[in-house]
């Protein structure tokens, strides 16, 4: 758990370097047989038998981070009467599915690796930093699926 949060924090502070991220992911692969293997097991990153879908713990952590960010932003926007910039990612109303359920569903049907979701979170964070958009219940699902798709192309198709 601390390892993933440390990676996200380091990427945030130092800037995102895609080649370095690939190198770090390879160094931390669960097949190395090192002490990191225990961390991978705790986070649910170890491969299960074919056809068995167990959601890795790291996905629960990331969806929890997104959920808290959405709640914080919506409270802040309500208190300060800030109007959010409407983009192509905004829906008319919030989807009925929670962020956790959405992440679980994407994981189950997309066959993306859990590392795609970490990279996707970095992409969402970078997008929000470079624009005047706030993460809300109206845009989080669309931003998430878009960033996961791009991350899957970068991480899993490489």
N, C-alpha and C. Protein backbone atom coordinates (compact mmCIF):
# COMPACT_ATOMS: atom_id res chain seq x y z
N UNK A 1 0.83 -1.18 0.00
CA UNK A 1 0.00 0.00 0.00
C UNK A 1 0.88 1.24 0.00
N UNK A 2 1.88 1.25 0.84
CA UNK A 2 2.76 2.41 0.93
C UNK A 2 3.57 2.58 -0.35
N UNK A 3 3.90 1.48 -1.00
CA UNK A 3 4.69 1.53 -2.22
C UNK A 3 3.95 2.25 -3.33
N UNK A 4 2.69 1.93 -3.53
CA UNK A 4 1.90 2.56 -4.58
C UNK A 4 1.72 4.04 -4.28
N UNK A 5 1.40 4.36 -3.05
CA UNK A 5 1.23 5.77 -2.68
C UNK A 5 2.54 6.53 -2.83
N UNK A 6 3.66 5.87 -2.53
CA UNK A 6 4.97 6.50 -2.69
C UNK A 6 5.25 6.76 -4.17
N UNK A 7 4.92 5.80 -5.02
CA UNK A 7 5.12 5.98 -6.46
C UNK A 7 4.28 7.14 -6.96
N UNK A 8 3.02 7.19 -6.56
CA UNK A 8 2.14 8.28 -7.00
C UNK A 8 2.66 9.63 -6.49
N UNK A 9 3.08 9.68 -5.25
CA UNK A 9 3.60 10.93 -4.69
C UNK A 9 4.86 11.37 -5.42
N UNK A 10 5.75 10.44 -5.70
CA UNK A 10 6.98 10.78 -6.41
C UNK A 10 6.70 11.28 -7.82
N UNK A 11 5.76 10.64 -8.51
CA UNK A 11 5.41 11.09 -9.85
C UNK A 11 4.82 12.48 -9.81
N UNK A 12 4.03 12.74 -8.81
CA UNK A 12 3.38 14.06 -8.67
C UNK A 12 4.44 15.16 -8.46
N UNK A 13 5.37 14.92 -7.53
CA UNK A 13 6.34 15.93 -7.17
C UNK A 13 7.39 16.14 -8.25
N UNK A 14 7.91 15.05 -8.81
CA UNK A 14 9.03 15.15 -9.73
C UNK A 14 8.62 15.30 -11.19
N UNK A 15 7.38 15.14 -11.49
CA UNK A 15 6.95 15.19 -12.88
C UNK A 15 6.94 13.79 -13.45
N UNK A 16 6.12 13.57 -14.42
CA UNK A 16 5.92 12.24 -14.97
C UNK A 16 6.91 11.99 -16.09
N UNK A 17 7.76 10.97 -15.94
CA UNK A 17 8.69 10.54 -16.96
C UNK A 17 8.30 9.13 -17.34
N UNK A 18 7.71 8.96 -18.52
CA UNK A 18 7.14 7.67 -18.91
C UNK A 18 8.18 6.55 -18.98
N UNK A 19 9.36 6.83 -19.49
CA UNK A 19 10.37 5.78 -19.60
C UNK A 19 10.86 5.36 -18.21
N UNK A 20 10.96 6.30 -17.30
CA UNK A 20 11.36 5.96 -15.93
C UNK A 20 10.29 5.11 -15.26
N UNK A 21 9.01 5.41 -15.53
CA UNK A 21 7.94 4.63 -14.95
C UNK A 21 8.00 3.19 -15.42
N UNK A 22 8.25 2.98 -16.71
CA UNK A 22 8.37 1.61 -17.23
C UNK A 22 9.52 0.89 -16.56
N UNK A 23 10.64 1.57 -16.42
CA UNK A 23 11.80 0.97 -15.76
C UNK A 23 11.49 0.60 -14.32
N UNK A 24 10.79 1.51 -13.61
CA UNK A 24 10.44 1.24 -12.22
C UNK A 24 9.47 0.08 -12.11
N UNK A 25 8.50 0.00 -13.03
CA UNK A 25 7.54 -1.10 -13.01
C UNK A 25 8.24 -2.43 -13.23
N UNK A 26 9.24 -2.45 -14.14
CA UNK A 26 9.96 -3.69 -14.41
C UNK A 26 10.80 -4.09 -13.19
N UNK A 27 11.40 -3.10 -12.52
CA UNK A 27 12.21 -3.39 -11.33
C UNK A 27 11.36 -3.94 -10.20
N UNK A 28 10.08 -3.56 -10.16
CA UNK A 28 9.21 -3.97 -9.08
C UNK A 28 8.30 -5.13 -9.45
N UNK A 29 8.62 -5.83 -10.52
CA UNK A 29 7.74 -6.92 -10.95
C UNK A 29 7.67 -7.99 -9.88
N UNK A 30 6.49 -8.62 -9.72
CA UNK A 30 6.32 -9.60 -8.65
C UNK A 30 7.05 -10.91 -8.91
N UNK A 31 7.60 -11.09 -10.10
CA UNK A 31 8.28 -12.33 -10.41
C UNK A 31 9.73 -12.36 -9.92
N UNK A 32 10.21 -11.29 -9.32
CA UNK A 32 11.61 -11.23 -8.92
C UNK A 32 11.92 -12.10 -7.71
N UNK A 33 10.90 -12.47 -6.94
CA UNK A 33 11.12 -13.33 -5.78
C UNK A 33 11.71 -12.59 -4.60
N UNK A 34 11.72 -11.28 -4.62
CA UNK A 34 12.29 -10.50 -3.54
C UNK A 34 11.24 -10.22 -2.47
N UNK A 35 11.62 -9.38 -1.52
CA UNK A 35 10.70 -8.99 -0.44
C UNK A 35 9.53 -8.17 -0.99
N UNK A 36 9.71 -7.57 -2.17
CA UNK A 36 8.62 -6.82 -2.78
C UNK A 36 7.45 -7.72 -3.14
N UNK A 37 7.72 -9.00 -3.28
CA UNK A 37 6.67 -9.96 -3.61
C UNK A 37 5.57 -9.96 -2.56
N UNK A 38 5.96 -9.77 -1.31
CA UNK A 38 4.98 -9.71 -0.22
C UNK A 38 4.09 -8.48 -0.35
N UNK A 39 4.68 -7.37 -0.74
CA UNK A 39 3.92 -6.14 -0.94
C UNK A 39 2.94 -6.33 -2.09
N UNK A 40 3.40 -6.97 -3.15
CA UNK A 40 2.51 -7.22 -4.29
C UNK A 40 1.33 -8.10 -3.89
N UNK A 41 1.59 -9.08 -3.04
CA UNK A 41 0.52 -9.96 -2.59
C UNK A 41 -0.49 -9.17 -1.75
N UNK A 42 0.00 -8.29 -0.88
CA UNK A 42 -0.87 -7.47 -0.04
C UNK A 42 -1.76 -6.57 -0.89
N UNK A 43 -1.20 -6.00 -1.95
CA UNK A 43 -1.95 -5.10 -2.82
C UNK A 43 -2.83 -5.84 -3.82
N UNK A 44 -2.68 -7.15 -3.88
CA UNK A 44 -3.49 -7.94 -4.81
C UNK A 44 -2.96 -7.90 -6.22
N UNK A 45 -1.67 -7.67 -6.39
CA UNK A 45 -1.09 -7.57 -7.72
C UNK A 45 -0.56 -8.91 -8.25
N UNK A 46 -0.57 -9.93 -7.44
CA UNK A 46 -0.15 -11.27 -7.88
C UNK A 46 -1.22 -11.81 -8.81
N UNK A 47 -0.80 -12.50 -9.85
CA UNK A 47 -1.76 -13.09 -10.77
C UNK A 47 -2.51 -14.24 -10.12
N UNK A 48 -3.79 -14.29 -10.40
CA UNK A 48 -4.62 -15.39 -9.93
C UNK A 48 -4.77 -16.40 -11.06
N UNK A 49 -5.43 -17.49 -10.76
CA UNK A 49 -5.69 -18.48 -11.80
C UNK A 49 -6.49 -17.85 -12.93
N UNK A 50 -6.33 -18.39 -14.11
CA UNK A 50 -7.05 -17.87 -15.27
C UNK A 50 -8.56 -17.98 -15.03
N UNK A 51 -9.27 -16.91 -15.33
CA UNK A 51 -10.72 -16.91 -15.17
C UNK A 51 -11.19 -16.46 -13.80
N UNK A 52 -10.27 -16.28 -12.84
CA UNK A 52 -10.65 -15.84 -11.50
C UNK A 52 -10.42 -14.34 -11.42
N UNK A 53 -11.48 -13.58 -11.12
CA UNK A 53 -11.37 -12.13 -11.04
C UNK A 53 -11.47 -11.68 -9.61
N UNK A 54 -10.35 -11.30 -9.06
CA UNK A 54 -10.32 -10.70 -7.73
C UNK A 54 -9.74 -9.30 -7.92
N UNK A 55 -10.46 -8.32 -7.45
CA UNK A 55 -10.03 -6.95 -7.63
C UNK A 55 -8.84 -6.67 -6.72
N UNK A 56 -7.72 -6.22 -7.29
CA UNK A 56 -6.55 -5.90 -6.47
C UNK A 56 -6.83 -4.75 -5.50
N UNK A 57 -6.19 -4.82 -4.39
CA UNK A 57 -6.39 -3.80 -3.35
C UNK A 57 -5.98 -2.41 -3.82
N UNK A 58 -4.98 -2.35 -4.68
CA UNK A 58 -4.52 -1.05 -5.18
C UNK A 58 -5.65 -0.33 -5.92
N UNK A 59 -6.55 -1.08 -6.57
CA UNK A 59 -7.67 -0.45 -7.26
C UNK A 59 -8.66 0.13 -6.27
N UNK A 60 -8.84 -0.54 -5.14
CA UNK A 60 -9.71 0.01 -4.09
C UNK A 60 -9.13 1.30 -3.54
N UNK A 61 -7.81 1.33 -3.39
CA UNK A 61 -7.15 2.54 -2.88
C UNK A 61 -7.30 3.69 -3.87
N UNK A 62 -7.09 3.41 -5.14
CA UNK A 62 -7.20 4.47 -6.14
C UNK A 62 -8.64 4.98 -6.28
N UNK A 63 -9.60 4.07 -6.24
CA UNK A 63 -11.00 4.53 -6.32
C UNK A 63 -11.38 5.32 -5.08
N UNK A 64 -10.83 4.95 -3.95
CA UNK A 64 -11.08 5.70 -2.72
C UNK A 64 -10.48 7.11 -2.81
N UNK A 65 -9.29 7.22 -3.40
CA UNK A 65 -8.68 8.54 -3.59
C UNK A 65 -9.52 9.41 -4.51
N UNK A 66 -10.02 8.82 -5.59
CA UNK A 66 -10.86 9.57 -6.52
C UNK A 66 -12.16 10.00 -5.86
N UNK A 67 -12.75 9.10 -5.09
CA UNK A 67 -14.01 9.40 -4.41
C UNK A 67 -13.84 10.56 -3.43
N UNK A 68 -12.76 10.52 -2.65
CA UNK A 68 -12.51 11.61 -1.69
C UNK A 68 -12.24 12.92 -2.40
N UNK A 69 -11.53 12.86 -3.51
CA UNK A 69 -11.24 14.07 -4.27
C UNK A 69 -12.53 14.68 -4.83
N UNK A 70 -13.42 13.85 -5.34
CA UNK A 70 -14.70 14.33 -5.86
C UNK A 70 -15.51 14.99 -4.74
N UNK A 71 -15.59 14.32 -3.59
CA UNK A 71 -16.35 14.88 -2.46
C UNK A 71 -15.77 16.20 -2.01
N UNK A 72 -14.45 16.27 -1.90
CA UNK A 72 -13.79 17.50 -1.46
C UNK A 72 -14.03 18.63 -2.45
N UNK A 73 -13.91 18.35 -3.74
CA UNK A 73 -14.12 19.38 -4.75
C UNK A 73 -15.56 19.86 -4.80
N UNK A 74 -16.51 18.96 -4.65
CA UNK A 74 -17.91 19.38 -4.70
C UNK A 74 -18.28 20.22 -3.48
N UNK A 75 -17.74 19.88 -2.33
CA UNK A 75 -17.97 20.71 -1.13
C UNK A 75 -17.34 22.08 -1.31
N UNK A 76 -16.11 22.11 -1.81
CA UNK A 76 -15.41 23.37 -2.04
C UNK A 76 -16.15 24.25 -3.04
N UNK A 77 -16.62 23.65 -4.13
CA UNK A 77 -17.32 24.42 -5.15
C UNK A 77 -18.66 24.94 -4.64
N UNK A 78 -19.30 24.17 -3.78
CA UNK A 78 -20.58 24.60 -3.20
C UNK A 78 -20.38 25.76 -2.23
N UNK A 79 -19.33 25.67 -1.41
CA UNK A 79 -19.07 26.73 -0.42
C UNK A 79 -18.63 28.03 -1.07
N UNK A 80 -17.78 27.94 -2.08
CA UNK A 80 -17.22 29.14 -2.68
C UNK A 80 -17.99 29.62 -3.91
N UNK A 81 -19.05 28.88 -4.29
CA UNK A 81 -19.87 29.23 -5.45
C UNK A 81 -19.05 29.31 -6.75
N UNK A 82 -18.01 28.48 -6.84
CA UNK A 82 -17.19 28.40 -8.06
C UNK A 82 -17.94 27.58 -9.09
N UNK A 83 -17.99 28.09 -10.31
CA UNK A 83 -18.60 27.36 -11.42
C UNK A 83 -17.50 26.57 -12.13
N UNK A 84 -17.77 25.30 -12.36
CA UNK A 84 -16.81 24.45 -13.05
C UNK A 84 -16.89 24.68 -14.55
N UNK A 85 -15.76 24.59 -15.21
CA UNK A 85 -15.72 24.70 -16.66
C UNK A 85 -16.32 23.42 -17.24
N UNK A 86 -17.27 23.57 -18.14
CA UNK A 86 -17.92 22.41 -18.75
C UNK A 86 -17.07 21.95 -19.94
N UNK A 87 -16.75 20.67 -19.96
CA UNK A 87 -15.93 20.09 -21.02
C UNK A 87 -16.66 18.90 -21.65
N UNK A 88 -16.00 18.29 -22.59
CA UNK A 88 -16.55 17.10 -23.24
C UNK A 88 -16.66 15.93 -22.25
N UNK A 89 -15.95 15.99 -21.15
CA UNK A 89 -15.96 14.92 -20.15
C UNK A 89 -17.15 15.03 -19.18
N UNK A 90 -17.85 16.13 -19.20
CA UNK A 90 -18.96 16.34 -18.28
C UNK A 90 -20.25 15.69 -18.79
N UNK A 91 -20.93 15.03 -17.88
CA UNK A 91 -22.24 14.47 -18.18
C UNK A 91 -23.32 15.40 -17.67
N UNK A 92 -24.57 15.12 -18.07
CA UNK A 92 -25.69 15.94 -17.61
C UNK A 92 -26.03 15.66 -16.15
N UNK A 93 -25.83 14.41 -15.74
CA UNK A 93 -26.09 14.01 -14.35
C UNK A 93 -25.07 12.93 -13.97
N UNK A 94 -24.85 12.76 -12.69
CA UNK A 94 -23.88 11.73 -12.26
C UNK A 94 -24.37 10.33 -12.61
N UNK A 95 -23.50 9.46 -13.06
CA UNK A 95 -23.91 8.07 -13.33
C UNK A 95 -24.36 7.38 -12.05
N UNK A 96 -25.26 6.42 -12.16
CA UNK A 96 -25.76 5.74 -10.96
C UNK A 96 -24.74 4.78 -10.32
N UNK A 97 -23.68 4.47 -11.03
CA UNK A 97 -22.68 3.54 -10.53
C UNK A 97 -21.59 4.32 -9.78
N UNK A 98 -21.14 3.78 -8.65
CA UNK A 98 -20.09 4.44 -7.86
C UNK A 98 -18.74 4.31 -8.56
N UNK A 99 -17.80 5.09 -8.12
CA UNK A 99 -16.46 5.03 -8.69
C UNK A 99 -15.83 3.66 -8.45
N UNK A 100 -16.03 3.12 -7.25
CA UNK A 100 -15.49 1.79 -6.93
C UNK A 100 -16.08 0.72 -7.86
N UNK A 101 -17.38 0.75 -8.07
CA UNK A 101 -18.03 -0.21 -8.96
C UNK A 101 -17.55 -0.04 -10.40
N UNK A 102 -17.33 1.19 -10.79
CA UNK A 102 -16.88 1.49 -12.15
C UNK A 102 -15.47 0.96 -12.37
N UNK A 103 -14.59 1.19 -11.41
CA UNK A 103 -13.21 0.69 -11.50
C UNK A 103 -13.22 -0.84 -11.54
N UNK A 104 -14.01 -1.46 -10.68
CA UNK A 104 -14.10 -2.92 -10.67
C UNK A 104 -14.57 -3.45 -12.03
N UNK A 105 -15.55 -2.79 -12.58
CA UNK A 105 -16.09 -3.22 -13.87
C UNK A 105 -15.07 -3.05 -15.00
N UNK A 106 -14.38 -1.94 -15.00
CA UNK A 106 -13.33 -1.72 -16.01
C UNK A 106 -12.26 -2.80 -15.88
N UNK A 107 -11.85 -3.09 -14.66
CA UNK A 107 -10.83 -4.11 -14.43
C UNK A 107 -11.30 -5.48 -14.92
N UNK A 108 -12.53 -5.79 -14.63
CA UNK A 108 -13.06 -7.12 -14.98
C UNK A 108 -13.16 -7.31 -16.50
N UNK A 109 -13.65 -6.32 -17.22
CA UNK A 109 -13.93 -6.48 -18.64
C UNK A 109 -12.85 -5.98 -19.58
N UNK A 110 -11.92 -5.18 -19.10
CA UNK A 110 -10.90 -4.63 -20.00
C UNK A 110 -9.62 -5.45 -20.04
N UNK A 111 -9.41 -6.28 -19.04
CA UNK A 111 -8.18 -7.08 -18.94
C UNK A 111 -6.93 -6.21 -18.83
N UNK A 112 -7.09 -5.02 -18.26
CA UNK A 112 -5.94 -4.14 -18.02
C UNK A 112 -5.21 -4.61 -16.77
N UNK A 113 -3.92 -4.37 -16.74
CA UNK A 113 -3.16 -4.68 -15.55
C UNK A 113 -3.43 -3.61 -14.49
N UNK A 114 -3.24 -3.94 -13.22
CA UNK A 114 -3.45 -2.93 -12.17
C UNK A 114 -2.54 -1.71 -12.32
N UNK A 115 -1.36 -1.90 -12.90
CA UNK A 115 -0.47 -0.76 -13.09
C UNK A 115 -1.07 0.26 -14.06
N UNK A 116 -1.93 -0.17 -14.96
CA UNK A 116 -2.63 0.76 -15.86
C UNK A 116 -3.44 1.76 -15.06
N UNK A 117 -4.05 1.30 -13.99
CA UNK A 117 -4.90 2.17 -13.19
C UNK A 117 -4.07 3.20 -12.41
N UNK A 118 -2.87 2.81 -12.00
CA UNK A 118 -1.97 3.76 -11.33
C UNK A 118 -1.55 4.83 -12.33
N UNK A 119 -1.15 4.41 -13.53
CA UNK A 119 -0.76 5.36 -14.56
C UNK A 119 -1.96 6.23 -14.96
N UNK A 120 -3.14 5.64 -15.04
CA UNK A 120 -4.35 6.40 -15.36
C UNK A 120 -4.62 7.48 -14.32
N UNK A 121 -4.38 7.16 -13.06
CA UNK A 121 -4.57 8.15 -12.00
C UNK A 121 -3.60 9.31 -12.19
N UNK A 122 -2.38 9.00 -12.56
CA UNK A 122 -1.39 10.05 -12.83
C UNK A 122 -1.86 10.90 -14.01
N UNK A 123 -2.38 10.27 -15.06
CA UNK A 123 -2.88 11.02 -16.21
C UNK A 123 -4.01 11.96 -15.82
N UNK A 124 -4.96 11.48 -15.05
CA UNK A 124 -6.08 12.32 -14.60
C UNK A 124 -5.55 13.49 -13.79
N UNK A 125 -4.64 13.20 -12.88
CA UNK A 125 -4.07 14.25 -12.04
C UNK A 125 -3.35 15.30 -12.88
N UNK A 126 -2.57 14.87 -13.84
CA UNK A 126 -1.86 15.80 -14.72
C UNK A 126 -2.83 16.65 -15.54
N UNK A 127 -3.88 16.02 -16.04
CA UNK A 127 -4.88 16.75 -16.81
C UNK A 127 -5.52 17.83 -15.96
N UNK A 128 -5.87 17.49 -14.74
CA UNK A 128 -6.52 18.45 -13.86
C UNK A 128 -5.58 19.59 -13.47
N UNK A 129 -4.29 19.29 -13.33
CA UNK A 129 -3.32 20.33 -13.00
C UNK A 129 -3.16 21.34 -14.12
N UNK A 130 -3.27 20.88 -15.36
CA UNK A 130 -3.02 21.75 -16.51
C UNK A 130 -4.27 22.46 -17.02
N UNK A 131 -5.41 22.21 -16.41
CA UNK A 131 -6.65 22.85 -16.84
C UNK A 131 -7.33 23.47 -15.62
N UNK A 132 -8.42 24.19 -15.86
CA UNK A 132 -9.19 24.79 -14.77
C UNK A 132 -10.36 23.90 -14.38
N UNK A 133 -10.24 22.62 -14.62
CA UNK A 133 -11.32 21.68 -14.35
C UNK A 133 -11.15 21.09 -12.96
N UNK A 134 -12.28 20.90 -12.28
CA UNK A 134 -12.28 20.21 -10.99
C UNK A 134 -12.88 18.83 -11.18
N UNK A 135 -12.37 17.85 -10.46
CA UNK A 135 -12.88 16.49 -10.52
C UNK A 135 -14.21 16.45 -9.77
N UNK A 136 -15.29 16.16 -10.49
CA UNK A 136 -16.63 16.12 -9.88
C UNK A 136 -17.32 14.82 -10.28
N UNK A 137 -18.48 14.60 -9.71
CA UNK A 137 -19.25 13.41 -10.04
C UNK A 137 -19.76 13.44 -11.48
N UNK A 138 -19.74 14.61 -12.11
CA UNK A 138 -20.19 14.73 -13.49
C UNK A 138 -19.11 14.35 -14.50
N UNK A 139 -17.84 14.40 -14.10
CA UNK A 139 -16.77 14.12 -15.07
C UNK A 139 -15.82 12.99 -14.68
N UNK A 140 -15.86 12.51 -13.47
CA UNK A 140 -14.87 11.54 -13.01
C UNK A 140 -14.93 10.23 -13.79
N UNK A 141 -16.11 9.75 -14.12
CA UNK A 141 -16.22 8.47 -14.82
C UNK A 141 -15.65 8.54 -16.23
N UNK A 142 -15.95 9.62 -16.93
CA UNK A 142 -15.44 9.77 -18.30
C UNK A 142 -13.94 10.02 -18.32
N UNK A 143 -13.45 10.82 -17.38
CA UNK A 143 -12.00 11.02 -17.30
C UNK A 143 -11.29 9.71 -16.96
N UNK A 144 -11.89 8.94 -16.09
CA UNK A 144 -11.29 7.68 -15.67
C UNK A 144 -11.20 6.68 -16.83
N UNK A 145 -12.29 6.48 -17.55
CA UNK A 145 -12.26 5.50 -18.64
C UNK A 145 -11.31 5.94 -19.75
N UNK A 146 -11.26 7.24 -20.02
CA UNK A 146 -10.35 7.75 -21.04
C UNK A 146 -8.90 7.54 -20.63
N UNK A 147 -8.59 7.86 -19.38
CA UNK A 147 -7.20 7.71 -18.92
C UNK A 147 -6.79 6.24 -18.81
N UNK A 148 -7.72 5.37 -18.43
CA UNK A 148 -7.40 3.94 -18.38
C UNK A 148 -7.12 3.41 -19.78
N UNK A 149 -7.90 3.85 -20.75
CA UNK A 149 -7.68 3.40 -22.13
C UNK A 149 -6.31 3.84 -22.63
N UNK A 150 -5.94 5.08 -22.37
CA UNK A 150 -4.63 5.58 -22.80
C UNK A 150 -3.51 4.87 -22.05
N UNK A 151 -3.70 4.67 -20.75
CA UNK A 151 -2.68 3.97 -19.96
C UNK A 151 -2.51 2.52 -20.41
N UNK A 152 -3.61 1.87 -20.78
CA UNK A 152 -3.53 0.49 -21.27
C UNK A 152 -2.74 0.43 -22.57
N UNK A 153 -2.95 1.39 -23.44
CA UNK A 153 -2.19 1.44 -24.67
C UNK A 153 -0.70 1.64 -24.39
N UNK A 154 -0.40 2.46 -23.41
CA UNK A 154 1.00 2.75 -23.08
C UNK A 154 1.66 1.60 -22.32
N UNK A 155 0.99 1.09 -21.30
CA UNK A 155 1.60 0.10 -20.40
C UNK A 155 1.47 -1.33 -20.93
N UNK A 156 0.26 -1.72 -21.29
CA UNK A 156 0.01 -3.12 -21.65
C UNK A 156 0.33 -3.46 -23.09
N UNK A 157 0.23 -2.50 -23.98
CA UNK A 157 0.51 -2.77 -25.40
C UNK A 157 1.98 -2.60 -25.76
N UNK A 158 2.77 -2.12 -24.82
CA UNK A 158 4.19 -1.85 -25.11
C UNK A 158 5.00 -3.11 -25.25
